[in-house]
PDB file of all heavy atoms in Angstrom:
ATOM      1  N   ALA A   1       3.175 -11.132   2.932  1.00  0.00           N
ATOM      2  CA  ALA A   1       4.370 -10.307   3.106  1.00  0.00           C
ATOM      3  C   ALA A   1       4.587  -9.424   1.879  1.00  0.00           C
ATOM      4  O   ALA A   1       4.914  -8.238   2.001  1.00  0.00           O
ATOM      5  CB  ALA A   1       5.587 -11.201   3.350  1.00  0.00           C
ATOM      6  N   ASN A   2       4.400 -10.011   0.707  1.00  0.00           N
ATOM      7  CA  ASN A   2       4.578  -9.253  -0.535  1.00  0.00           C
ATOM      8  C   ASN A   2       3.548  -8.139  -0.665  1.00  0.00           C
ATOM      9  O   ASN A   2       3.851  -7.054  -1.186  1.00  0.00           O
ATOM     10  CB  ASN A   2       4.493 -10.205  -1.730  1.00  0.00           C
ATOM     11  CG  ASN A   2       4.828  -9.521  -3.061  1.00  0.00           C
ATOM     12  OD1 ASN A   2       3.998  -9.449  -3.969  1.00  0.00           O
ATOM     13  ND2 ASN A   2       6.032  -9.027  -3.194  1.00  0.00           N
ATOM     14  N   LYS A   3       2.339  -8.396  -0.168  1.00  0.00           N
ATOM     15  CA  LYS A   3       1.288  -7.374  -0.197  1.00  0.00           C
ATOM     16  C   LYS A   3       1.722  -6.125   0.565  1.00  0.00           C
ATOM     17  O   LYS A   3       1.490  -4.997   0.128  1.00  0.00           O
ATOM     18  CB  LYS A   3      -0.004  -7.942   0.387  1.00  0.00           C
ATOM     19  CG  LYS A   3      -1.194  -6.978   0.332  1.00  0.00           C
ATOM     20  CD  LYS A   3      -2.444  -7.619   0.950  1.00  0.00           C
ATOM     21  CE  LYS A   3      -3.601  -6.620   0.965  1.00  0.00           C
ATOM     22  NZ  LYS A   3      -4.800  -7.230   1.650  1.00  0.00           N
ATOM     23  N   LYS A   4       2.387  -6.322   1.708  1.00  0.00           N
ATOM     24  CA  LYS A   4       2.894  -5.186   2.496  1.00  0.00           C
ATOM     25  C   LYS A   4       3.902  -4.378   1.694  1.00  0.00           C
ATOM     26  O   LYS A   4       3.900  -3.148   1.712  1.00  0.00           O
ATOM     27  CB  LYS A   4       3.539  -5.686   3.785  1.00  0.00           C
ATOM     28  CG  LYS A   4       2.579  -6.328   4.768  1.00  0.00           C
ATOM     29  CD  LYS A   4       3.327  -6.830   5.998  1.00  0.00           C
ATOM     30  CE  LYS A   4       2.373  -7.541   6.959  1.00  0.00           C
ATOM     31  NZ  LYS A   4       3.121  -8.108   8.128  1.00  0.00           N
ATOM     32  N   ASP A   5       4.784  -5.084   0.967  1.00  0.00           N
ATOM     33  CA  ASP A   5       5.790  -4.396   0.155  1.00  0.00           C
ATOM     34  C   ASP A   5       5.151  -3.647  -1.003  1.00  0.00           C
ATOM     35  O   ASP A   5       5.556  -2.524  -1.324  1.00  0.00           O
ATOM     36  CB  ASP A   5       6.817  -5.410  -0.375  1.00  0.00           C
ATOM     37  CG  ASP A   5       7.711  -5.973   0.719  1.00  0.00           C
ATOM     38  OD1 ASP A   5       7.960  -5.267   1.708  1.00  0.00           O
ATOM     39  OD2 ASP A   5       8.153  -7.140   0.580  1.00  0.00           O
ATOM     40  N   LEU A   6       4.162  -4.258  -1.640  1.00  0.00           N
ATOM     41  CA  LEU A   6       3.484  -3.615  -2.763  1.00  0.00           C
ATOM     42  C   LEU A   6       2.739  -2.365  -2.317  1.00  0.00           C
ATOM     43  O   LEU A   6       2.758  -1.337  -3.000  1.00  0.00           O
ATOM     44  CB  LEU A   6       2.518  -4.592  -3.439  1.00  0.00           C
ATOM     45  CG  LEU A   6       3.156  -5.742  -4.242  1.00  0.00           C
ATOM     46  CD1 LEU A   6       2.093  -6.754  -4.655  1.00  0.00           C
ATOM     47  CD2 LEU A   6       3.880  -5.206  -5.476  1.00  0.00           C
ATOM     48  N   GLU A   7       2.088  -2.465  -1.168  1.00  0.00           N
ATOM     49  CA  GLU A   7       1.370  -1.301  -0.638  1.00  0.00           C
ATOM     50  C   GLU A   7       2.336  -0.166  -0.324  1.00  0.00           C
ATOM     51  O   GLU A   7       2.082   1.002  -0.631  1.00  0.00           O
ATOM     52  CB  GLU A   7       0.581  -1.701   0.609  1.00  0.00           C
ATOM     53  CG  GLU A   7      -0.627  -2.573   0.293  1.00  0.00           C
ATOM     54  CD  GLU A   7      -1.298  -3.114   1.539  1.00  0.00           C
ATOM     55  OE1 GLU A   7      -0.709  -2.966   2.659  1.00  0.00           O
ATOM     56  OE2 GLU A   7      -2.410  -3.698   1.426  1.00  0.00           O
ATOM     57  N   ALA A   8       3.461  -0.497   0.292  1.00  0.00           N
ATOM     58  CA  ALA A   8       4.467   0.516   0.600  1.00  0.00           C
ATOM     59  C   ALA A   8       5.055   1.106  -0.678  1.00  0.00           C
ATOM     60  O   ALA A   8       5.275   2.321  -0.767  1.00  0.00           O
ATOM     61  CB  ALA A   8       5.580  -0.097   1.453  1.00  0.00           C
ATOM     62  N   GLY A   9       5.276   0.252  -1.686  1.00  0.00           N
ATOM     63  CA  GLY A   9       5.804   0.723  -2.964  1.00  0.00           C
ATOM     64  C   GLY A   9       4.860   1.673  -3.663  1.00  0.00           C
ATOM     65  O   GLY A   9       5.273   2.683  -4.243  1.00  0.00           O
ATOM     66  N   SER A  10       3.570   1.359  -3.598  1.00  0.00           N
ATOM     67  CA  SER A  10       2.552   2.219  -4.195  1.00  0.00           C
ATOM     68  C   SER A  10       2.515   3.577  -3.504  1.00  0.00           C
ATOM     69  O   SER A  10       2.422   4.614  -4.154  1.00  0.00           O
ATOM     70  CB  SER A  10       1.187   1.538  -4.120  1.00  0.00           C
ATOM     71  OG  SER A  10       0.185   2.329  -4.691  1.00  0.00           O
ATOM     72  N   GLU A  11       2.604   3.555  -2.172  1.00  0.00           N
ATOM     73  CA  GLU A  11       2.618   4.803  -1.407  1.00  0.00           C
ATOM     74  C   GLU A  11       3.841   5.654  -1.730  1.00  0.00           C
ATOM     75  O   GLU A  11       3.776   6.883  -1.731  1.00  0.00           O
ATOM     76  CB  GLU A  11       2.582   4.489   0.088  1.00  0.00           C
ATOM     77  CG  GLU A  11       1.245   3.942   0.565  1.00  0.00           C
ATOM     78  CD  GLU A  11       1.302   3.471   2.004  1.00  0.00           C
ATOM     79  OE1 GLU A  11       2.364   3.662   2.654  1.00  0.00           O
ATOM     80  OE2 GLU A  11       0.286   2.910   2.500  1.00  0.00           O
ATOM     81  N   GLN A  12       4.962   5.000  -2.024  1.00  0.00           N
ATOM     82  CA  GLN A  12       6.201   5.710  -2.339  1.00  0.00           C
ATOM     83  C   GLN A  12       6.281   6.133  -3.800  1.00  0.00           C
ATOM     84  O   GLN A  12       7.209   6.828  -4.194  1.00  0.00           O
ATOM     85  CB  GLN A  12       7.404   4.833  -2.000  1.00  0.00           C
ATOM     86  CG  GLN A  12       7.564   4.552  -0.516  1.00  0.00           C
ATOM     87  CD  GLN A  12       8.521   3.408  -0.245  1.00  0.00           C
ATOM     88  OE1 GLN A  12       9.349   3.070  -1.083  1.00  0.00           O
ATOM     89  NE2 GLN A  12       8.421   2.813   0.932  1.00  0.00           N
ATOM     90  N   GLY A  13       5.291   5.712  -4.604  1.00  0.00           N
ATOM     91  CA  GLY A  13       5.256   6.087  -6.009  1.00  0.00           C
ATOM     92  C   GLY A  13       6.286   5.388  -6.874  1.00  0.00           C
ATOM     93  O   GLY A  13       6.824   5.988  -7.816  1.00  0.00           O
ATOM     94  N   LEU A  14       6.570   4.102  -6.590  1.00  0.00           N
ATOM     95  CA  LEU A  14       7.519   3.353  -7.407  1.00  0.00           C
ATOM     96  C   LEU A  14       7.028   3.261  -8.844  1.00  0.00           C
ATOM     97  O   LEU A  14       5.835   3.128  -9.101  1.00  0.00           O
ATOM     98  CB  LEU A  14       7.722   1.940  -6.848  1.00  0.00           C
ATOM     99  CG  LEU A  14       8.521   1.775  -5.548  1.00  0.00           C
ATOM    100  CD1 LEU A  14       8.684   0.291  -5.229  1.00  0.00           C
ATOM    101  CD2 LEU A  14       9.887   2.428  -5.636  1.00  0.00           C
ATOM    102  N   GLU A  15       7.955   3.314  -9.800  1.00  0.00           N
ATOM    103  CA  GLU A  15       7.609   3.193 -11.209  1.00  0.00           C
ATOM    104  C   GLU A  15       7.003   1.824 -11.497  1.00  0.00           C
ATOM    105  O   GLU A  15       7.270   0.845 -10.794  1.00  0.00           O
ATOM    106  CB  GLU A  15       8.850   3.413 -12.077  1.00  0.00           C
ATOM    107  CG  GLU A  15       9.453   4.808 -11.957  1.00  0.00           C
ATOM    108  CD  GLU A  15      10.726   4.945 -12.775  1.00  0.00           C
ATOM    109  OE1 GLU A  15      11.094   3.977 -13.459  1.00  0.00           O
ATOM    110  OE2 GLU A  15      11.338   6.018 -12.721  1.00  0.00           O
ATOM    111  N   SER A  16       6.212   1.751 -12.572  1.00  0.00           N
ATOM    112  CA  SER A  16       5.503   0.511 -12.898  1.00  0.00           C
ATOM    113  C   SER A  16       6.465  -0.655 -13.135  1.00  0.00           C
ATOM    114  O   SER A  16       6.185  -1.789 -12.747  1.00  0.00           O
ATOM    115  CB  SER A  16       4.607   0.715 -14.123  1.00  0.00           C
ATOM    116  OG  SER A  16       5.368   1.144 -15.245  1.00  0.00           O
ATOM    117  N   ALA A  17       7.613  -0.381 -13.773  1.00  0.00           N
ATOM    118  CA  ALA A  17       8.590  -1.435 -14.025  1.00  0.00           C
ATOM    119  C   ALA A  17       9.128  -2.001 -12.717  1.00  0.00           C
ATOM    120  O   ALA A  17       9.330  -3.215 -12.579  1.00  0.00           O
ATOM    121  CB  ALA A  17       9.740  -0.910 -14.891  1.00  0.00           C
ATOM    122  N   LEU A  18       9.357  -1.134 -11.728  1.00  0.00           N
ATOM    123  CA  LEU A  18       9.845  -1.580 -10.426  1.00  0.00           C
ATOM    124  C   LEU A  18       8.763  -2.326  -9.652  1.00  0.00           C
ATOM    125  O   LEU A  18       9.049  -3.309  -8.968  1.00  0.00           O
ATOM    126  CB  LEU A  18      10.349  -0.385  -9.610  1.00  0.00           C
ATOM    127  CG  LEU A  18      11.612   0.302 -10.130  1.00  0.00           C
ATOM    128  CD1 LEU A  18      11.969   1.496  -9.273  1.00  0.00           C
ATOM    129  CD2 LEU A  18      12.774  -0.679 -10.185  1.00  0.00           C
ATOM    130  N   MET A  19       7.518  -1.873  -9.773  1.00  0.00           N
ATOM    131  CA  MET A  19       6.404  -2.578  -9.128  1.00  0.00           C
ATOM    132  C   MET A  19       6.234  -3.965  -9.730  1.00  0.00           C
ATOM    133  O   MET A  19       5.932  -4.928  -9.022  1.00  0.00           O
ATOM    134  CB  MET A  19       5.123  -1.756  -9.272  1.00  0.00           C
ATOM    135  CG  MET A  19       5.098  -0.482  -8.437  1.00  0.00           C
ATOM    136  SD  MET A  19       5.002  -0.786  -6.649  1.00  0.00           S
ATOM    137  CE  MET A  19       3.280  -1.333  -6.498  1.00  0.00           C
ATOM    138  N   ASP A  20       6.428  -4.058 -11.036  1.00  0.00           N
ATOM    139  CA  ASP A  20       6.358  -5.361 -11.702  1.00  0.00           C
ATOM    140  C   ASP A  20       7.427  -6.307 -11.162  1.00  0.00           C
ATOM    141  O   ASP A  20       7.173  -7.482 -10.891  1.00  0.00           O
ATOM    142  CB  ASP A  20       6.527  -5.189 -13.217  1.00  0.00           C
ATOM    143  CG  ASP A  20       6.588  -6.527 -13.959  1.00  0.00           C
ATOM    144  OD1 ASP A  20       5.638  -7.309 -13.841  1.00  0.00           O
ATOM    145  OD2 ASP A  20       7.598  -6.781 -14.634  1.00  0.00           O
ATOM    146  N   ARG A  21       8.648  -5.799 -10.989  1.00  0.00           N
ATOM    147  CA  ARG A  21       9.728  -6.610 -10.448  1.00  0.00           C
ATOM    148  C   ARG A  21       9.437  -7.052  -9.015  1.00  0.00           C
ATOM    149  O   ARG A  21       9.830  -8.136  -8.589  1.00  0.00           O
ATOM    150  CB  ARG A  21      11.036  -5.818 -10.471  1.00  0.00           C
ATOM    151  CG  ARG A  21      11.598  -5.573 -11.854  1.00  0.00           C
ATOM    152  CD  ARG A  21      12.929  -4.854 -11.768  1.00  0.00           C
ATOM    153  NE  ARG A  21      13.556  -4.733 -13.073  1.00  0.00           N
ATOM    154  CZ  ARG A  21      14.834  -4.501 -13.272  1.00  0.00           C
ATOM    155  NH1 ARG A  21      15.630  -4.360 -12.253  1.00  0.00           N
ATOM    156  NH2 ARG A  21      15.335  -4.409 -14.485  1.00  0.00           N
ATOM    157  N   LEU A  22       8.749  -6.196  -8.264  1.00  0.00           N
ATOM    158  CA  LEU A  22       8.495  -6.432  -6.849  1.00  0.00           C
ATOM    159  C   LEU A  22       7.412  -7.479  -6.595  1.00  0.00           C
ATOM    160  O   LEU A  22       7.458  -8.204  -5.601  1.00  0.00           O
ATOM    161  CB  LEU A  22       8.096  -5.109  -6.184  1.00  0.00           C
ATOM    162  CG  LEU A  22       7.809  -5.090  -4.692  1.00  0.00           C
ATOM    163  CD1 LEU A  22       9.028  -5.580  -3.906  1.00  0.00           C
ATOM    164  CD2 LEU A  22       7.418  -3.678  -4.249  1.00  0.00           C
ATOM    165  N   GLU A  23       6.469  -7.597  -7.512  1.00  0.00           N
ATOM    166  CA  GLU A  23       5.290  -8.434  -7.272  1.00  0.00           C
ATOM    167  C   GLU A  23       5.619  -9.925  -7.244  1.00  0.00           C
ATOM    168  O   GLU A  23       6.330 -10.447  -8.094  1.00  0.00           O
ATOM    169  CB  GLU A  23       4.238  -8.171  -8.343  1.00  0.00           C
ATOM    170  CG  GLU A  23       2.929  -8.927  -8.098  1.00  0.00           C
ATOM    171  CD  GLU A  23       1.886  -8.660  -9.141  1.00  0.00           C
ATOM    172  OE1 GLU A  23       2.190  -7.954 -10.136  1.00  0.00           O
ATOM    173  OE2 GLU A  23       0.745  -9.153  -8.972  1.00  0.00           O
ATOM    174  N   LEU A  24       5.050 -10.617  -6.254  1.00  0.00           N
ATOM    175  CA  LEU A  24       5.107 -12.070  -6.166  1.00  0.00           C
ATOM    176  C   LEU A  24       3.722 -12.636  -6.436  1.00  0.00           C
ATOM    177  O   LEU A  24       2.848 -12.596  -5.586  1.00  0.00           O
ATOM    178  CB  LEU A  24       5.564 -12.516  -4.772  1.00  0.00           C
ATOM    179  CG  LEU A  24       7.040 -12.725  -4.499  1.00  0.00           C
ATOM    180  CD1 LEU A  24       7.229 -13.273  -3.095  1.00  0.00           C
ATOM    181  CD2 LEU A  24       7.670 -13.657  -5.512  1.00  0.00           C
ATOM    182  N   SER A  25       3.510 -13.145  -7.617  1.00  0.00           N
ATOM    183  CA  SER A  25       2.246 -13.796  -7.948  1.00  0.00           C
ATOM    184  C   SER A  25       2.391 -15.297  -7.736  1.00  0.00           C
ATOM    185  O   SER A  25       3.486 -15.820  -7.520  1.00  0.00           O
ATOM    186  CB  SER A  25       1.883 -13.509  -9.401  1.00  0.00           C
ATOM    187  OG  SER A  25       2.891 -14.033 -10.263  1.00  0.00           O
ATOM    188  N   ASP A  26       1.251 -16.013  -7.822  1.00  0.00           N
ATOM    189  CA  ASP A  26       1.306 -17.475  -7.736  1.00  0.00           C
ATOM    190  C   ASP A  26       2.211 -18.042  -8.829  1.00  0.00           C
ATOM    191  O   ASP A  26       2.970 -18.991  -8.596  1.00  0.00           O
ATOM    192  CB  ASP A  26      -0.102 -18.067  -7.874  1.00  0.00           C
ATOM    193  CG  ASP A  26      -0.750 -18.328  -6.532  1.00  0.00           C
ATOM    194  OD1 ASP A  26      -0.044 -18.766  -5.591  1.00  0.00           O
ATOM    195  OD2 ASP A  26      -1.967 -18.102  -6.406  1.00  0.00           O
ATOM    196  N   ALA A  27       2.138 -17.442 -10.018  1.00  0.00           N
ATOM    197  CA  ALA A  27       2.955 -17.914 -11.130  1.00  0.00           C
ATOM    198  C   ALA A  27       4.442 -17.725 -10.839  1.00  0.00           C
ATOM    199  O   ALA A  27       5.260 -18.600 -11.152  1.00  0.00           O
ATOM    200  CB  ALA A  27       2.563 -17.176 -12.412  1.00  0.00           C
ATOM    201  N   ARG A  28       4.802 -16.607 -10.236  1.00  0.00           N
ATOM    202  CA  ARG A  28       6.211 -16.368  -9.926  1.00  0.00           C
ATOM    203  C   ARG A  28       6.693 -17.253  -8.787  1.00  0.00           C
ATOM    204  O   ARG A  28       7.856 -17.651  -8.772  1.00  0.00           O
ATOM    205  CB  ARG A  28       6.440 -14.886  -9.616  1.00  0.00           C
ATOM    206  CG  ARG A  28       6.331 -14.023 -10.875  1.00  0.00           C
ATOM    207  CD  ARG A  28       6.639 -12.572 -10.637  1.00  0.00           C
ATOM    208  NE  ARG A  28       6.502 -11.817 -11.878  1.00  0.00           N
ATOM    209  CZ  ARG A  28       6.641 -10.498 -11.971  1.00  0.00           C
ATOM    210  NH1 ARG A  28       6.934  -9.777 -10.893  1.00  0.00           N
ATOM    211  NH2 ARG A  28       6.495  -9.895 -13.145  1.00  0.00           N
ATOM    212  N   ILE A  29       5.817 -17.565  -7.849  1.00  0.00           N
ATOM    213  CA  ILE A  29       6.179 -18.528  -6.808  1.00  0.00           C
ATOM    214  C   ILE A  29       6.403 -19.904  -7.438  1.00  0.00           C
ATOM    215  O   ILE A  29       7.337 -20.622  -7.078  1.00  0.00           O
ATOM    216  CB  ILE A  29       5.095 -18.578  -5.710  1.00  0.00           C
ATOM    217  CG1 ILE A  29       5.098 -17.262  -4.916  1.00  0.00           C
ATOM    218  CG2 ILE A  29       5.339 -19.760  -4.768  1.00  0.00           C
ATOM    219  CD1 ILE A  29       3.970 -17.147  -3.907  1.00  0.00           C
ATOM    220  N   ASP A  30       5.551 -20.257  -8.406  1.00  0.00           N
ATOM    221  CA  ASP A  30       5.736 -21.513  -9.144  1.00  0.00           C
ATOM    222  C   ASP A  30       7.106 -21.542  -9.829  1.00  0.00           C
ATOM    223  O   ASP A  30       7.790 -22.573  -9.839  1.00  0.00           O
ATOM    224  CB  ASP A  30       4.647 -21.697 -10.201  1.00  0.00           C
ATOM    225  CG  ASP A  30       3.298 -22.042  -9.603  1.00  0.00           C
ATOM    226  OD1 ASP A  30       3.254 -22.501  -8.440  1.00  0.00           O
ATOM    227  OD2 ASP A  30       2.272 -21.846 -10.303  1.00  0.00           O
ATOM    228  N   ILE A  31       7.497 -20.408 -10.405  1.00  0.00           N
ATOM    229  CA  ILE A  31       8.788 -20.323 -11.092  1.00  0.00           C
ATOM    230  C   ILE A  31       9.934 -20.482 -10.096  1.00  0.00           C
ATOM    231  O   ILE A  31      10.934 -21.145 -10.377  1.00  0.00           O
ATOM    232  CB  ILE A  31       8.904 -18.987 -11.862  1.00  0.00           C
ATOM    233  CG1 ILE A  31       7.930 -18.983 -13.050  1.00  0.00           C
ATOM    234  CG2 ILE A  31      10.332 -18.766 -12.351  1.00  0.00           C
ATOM    235  CD1 ILE A  31       7.817 -17.636 -13.742  1.00  0.00           C
ATOM    236  N   MET A  32       9.798 -19.885  -8.916  1.00  0.00           N
ATOM    237  CA  MET A  32      10.805 -20.048  -7.873  1.00  0.00           C
ATOM    238  C   MET A  32      10.968 -21.523  -7.510  1.00  0.00           C
ATOM    239  O   MET A  32      12.086 -22.034  -7.397  1.00  0.00           O
ATOM    240  CB  MET A  32      10.416 -19.237  -6.633  1.00  0.00           C
ATOM    241  CG  MET A  32      10.601 -17.735  -6.784  1.00  0.00           C
ATOM    242  SD  MET A  32       9.723 -16.790  -5.476  1.00  0.00           S
ATOM    243  CE  MET A  32      10.414 -17.486  -3.995  1.00  0.00           C
ATOM    244  N   ILE A  33       9.847 -22.198  -7.325  1.00  0.00           N
ATOM    245  CA  ILE A  33       9.872 -23.621  -6.963  1.00  0.00           C
ATOM    246  C   ILE A  33      10.487 -24.447  -8.096  1.00  0.00           C
ATOM    247  O   ILE A  33      11.325 -25.318  -7.858  1.00  0.00           O
ATOM    248  CB  ILE A  33       8.455 -24.111  -6.623  1.00  0.00           C
ATOM    249  CG1 ILE A  33       7.955 -23.418  -5.348  1.00  0.00           C
ATOM    250  CG2 ILE A  33       8.417 -25.631  -6.472  1.00  0.00           C
ATOM    251  CD1 ILE A  33       6.473 -23.623  -5.071  1.00  0.00           C
ATOM    252  N   GLU A  34      10.076 -24.151  -9.320  1.00  0.00           N
ATOM    253  CA  GLU A  34      10.621 -24.858 -10.473  1.00  0.00           C
ATOM    254  C   GLU A  34      12.128 -24.629 -10.586  1.00  0.00           C
ATOM    255  O   GLU A  34      12.889 -25.543 -10.910  1.00  0.00           O
ATOM    256  CB  GLU A  34       9.919 -24.394 -11.762  1.00  0.00           C
ATOM    257  CG  GLU A  34      10.505 -24.953 -13.060  1.00  0.00           C
ATOM    258  CD  GLU A  34      10.435 -26.468 -13.152  1.00  0.00           C
ATOM    259  OE1 GLU A  34       9.609 -27.087 -12.451  1.00  0.00           O
ATOM    260  OE2 GLU A  34      11.227 -27.046 -13.923  1.00  0.00           O
ATOM    261  N   GLY A  35      12.566 -23.399 -10.292  1.00  0.00           N
ATOM    262  CA  GLY A  35      13.987 -23.082 -10.324  1.00  0.00           C
ATOM    263  C   GLY A  35      14.777 -23.925  -9.338  1.00  0.00           C
ATOM    264  O   GLY A  35      15.857 -24.427  -9.645  1.00  0.00           O
ATOM    265  N   LEU A  36      14.239 -24.096  -8.134  1.00  0.00           N
ATOM    266  CA  LEU A  36      14.891 -24.932  -7.130  1.00  0.00           C
ATOM    267  C   LEU A  36      15.001 -26.373  -7.598  1.00  0.00           C
ATOM    268  O   LEU A  36      16.042 -27.024  -7.425  1.00  0.00           O
ATOM    269  CB  LEU A  36      14.128 -24.847  -5.808  1.00  0.00           C
ATOM    270  CG  LEU A  36      14.280 -23.522  -5.041  1.00  0.00           C
ATOM    271  CD1 LEU A  36      13.124 -23.316  -4.081  1.00  0.00           C
ATOM    272  CD2 LEU A  36      15.614 -23.492  -4.287  1.00  0.00           C
ATOM    273  N   HIS A  37      13.934 -26.891  -8.197  1.00  0.00           N
ATOM    274  CA  HIS A  37      13.959 -28.257  -8.721  1.00  0.00           C
ATOM    275  C   HIS A  37      14.960 -28.379  -9.872  1.00  0.00           C
ATOM    276  O   HIS A  37      15.675 -29.387  -9.978  1.00  0.00           O
ATOM    277  CB  HIS A  37      12.565 -28.673  -9.180  1.00  0.00           C
ATOM    278  CG  HIS A  37      11.656 -29.069  -8.057  1.00  0.00           C
ATOM    279  ND1 HIS A  37      11.516 -30.364  -7.622  1.00  0.00           N
ATOM    280  CD2 HIS A  37      10.841 -28.332  -7.261  1.00  0.00           C
ATOM    281  CE1 HIS A  37      10.664 -30.419  -6.617  1.00  0.00           C
ATOM    282  NE2 HIS A  37      10.227 -29.194  -6.382  1.00  0.00           N
ATOM    283  N   GLN A  38      15.019 -27.369 -10.720  1.00  0.00           N
ATOM    284  CA  GLN A  38      15.967 -27.395 -11.836  1.00  0.00           C
ATOM    285  C   GLN A  38      17.406 -27.393 -11.348  1.00  0.00           C
ATOM    286  O   GLN A  38      18.245 -28.138 -11.852  1.00  0.00           O
ATOM    287  CB  GLN A  38      15.730 -26.211 -12.771  1.00  0.00           C
ATOM    288  CG  GLN A  38      14.524 -26.356 -13.677  1.00  0.00           C
ATOM    289  CD  GLN A  38      14.545 -25.357 -14.825  1.00  0.00           C
ATOM    290  OE1 GLN A  38      15.551 -24.735 -15.121  1.00  0.00           O
ATOM    291  NE2 GLN A  38      13.423 -25.221 -15.510  1.00  0.00           N
ATOM    292  N   VAL A  39      17.691 -26.549 -10.368  1.00  0.00           N
ATOM    293  CA  VAL A  39      19.049 -26.491  -9.842  1.00  0.00           C
ATOM    294  C   VAL A  39      19.421 -27.815  -9.180  1.00  0.00           C
ATOM    295  O   VAL A  39      20.539 -28.307  -9.312  1.00  0.00           O
ATOM    296  CB  VAL A  39      19.217 -25.310  -8.856  1.00  0.00           C
ATOM    297  CG1 VAL A  39      20.584 -25.357  -8.171  1.00  0.00           C
ATOM    298  CG2 VAL A  39      19.059 -23.982  -9.591  1.00  0.00           C
ATOM    299  N   ALA A  40      18.475 -28.420  -8.466  1.00  0.00           N
ATOM    300  CA  ALA A  40      18.721 -29.723  -7.852  1.00  0.00           C
ATOM    301  C   ALA A  40      19.041 -30.786  -8.899  1.00  0.00           C
ATOM    302  O   ALA A  40      19.834 -31.706  -8.655  1.00  0.00           O
ATOM    303  CB  ALA A  40      17.514 -30.147  -7.010  1.00  0.00           C
ATOM    304  N   ALA A  41      18.449 -30.657 -10.082  1.00  0.00           N
ATOM    305  CA  ALA A  41      18.650 -31.641 -11.150  1.00  0.00           C
ATOM    306  C   ALA A  41      19.949 -31.423 -11.930  1.00  0.00           C
ATOM    307  O   ALA A  41      20.401 -32.313 -12.661  1.00  0.00           O
ATOM    308  CB  ALA A  41      17.470 -31.604 -12.118  1.00  0.00           C
ATOM    309  N   LEU A  42      20.557 -30.259 -11.776  1.00  0.00           N
ATOM    310  CA  LEU A  42      21.784 -29.958 -12.505  1.00  0.00           C
ATOM    311  C   LEU A  42      22.969 -30.730 -11.934  1.00  0.00           C
ATOM    312  O   LEU A  42      23.004 -31.075 -10.747  1.00  0.00           O
ATOM    313  CB  LEU A  42      22.085 -28.458 -12.448  1.00  0.00           C
ATOM    314  CG  LEU A  42      21.126 -27.530 -13.195  1.00  0.00           C
ATOM    315  CD1 LEU A  42      21.436 -26.082 -12.863  1.00  0.00           C
ATOM    316  CD2 LEU A  42      21.210 -27.758 -14.696  1.00  0.00           C
ATOM    317  N   ASP A  43      23.949 -30.990 -12.783  1.00  0.00           N
ATOM    318  CA  ASP A  43      25.181 -31.615 -12.325  1.00  0.00           C
ATOM    319  C   ASP A  43      25.890 -30.707 -11.324  1.00  0.00           C
ATOM    320  O   ASP A  43      25.926 -29.489 -11.489  1.00  0.00           O
ATOM    321  CB  ASP A  43      26.116 -31.890 -13.506  1.00  0.00           C
ATOM    322  CG  ASP A  43      25.586 -32.976 -14.433  1.00  0.00           C
ATOM    323  OD1 ASP A  43      24.775 -33.800 -13.971  1.00  0.00           O
ATOM    324  OD2 ASP A  43      25.987 -32.989 -15.618  1.00  0.00           O
TER     325      ASP A  43
END
């Protein structure tokens, strides 16, 4: 799904900073998962 967004963003000429924000890498998915676990652990 993210690949579709990145391709569309590239076609639209999005700035590099915005493309960076848009990208979902394995590492960022890991961070999302870790964030959920962290929030679950919070009071």
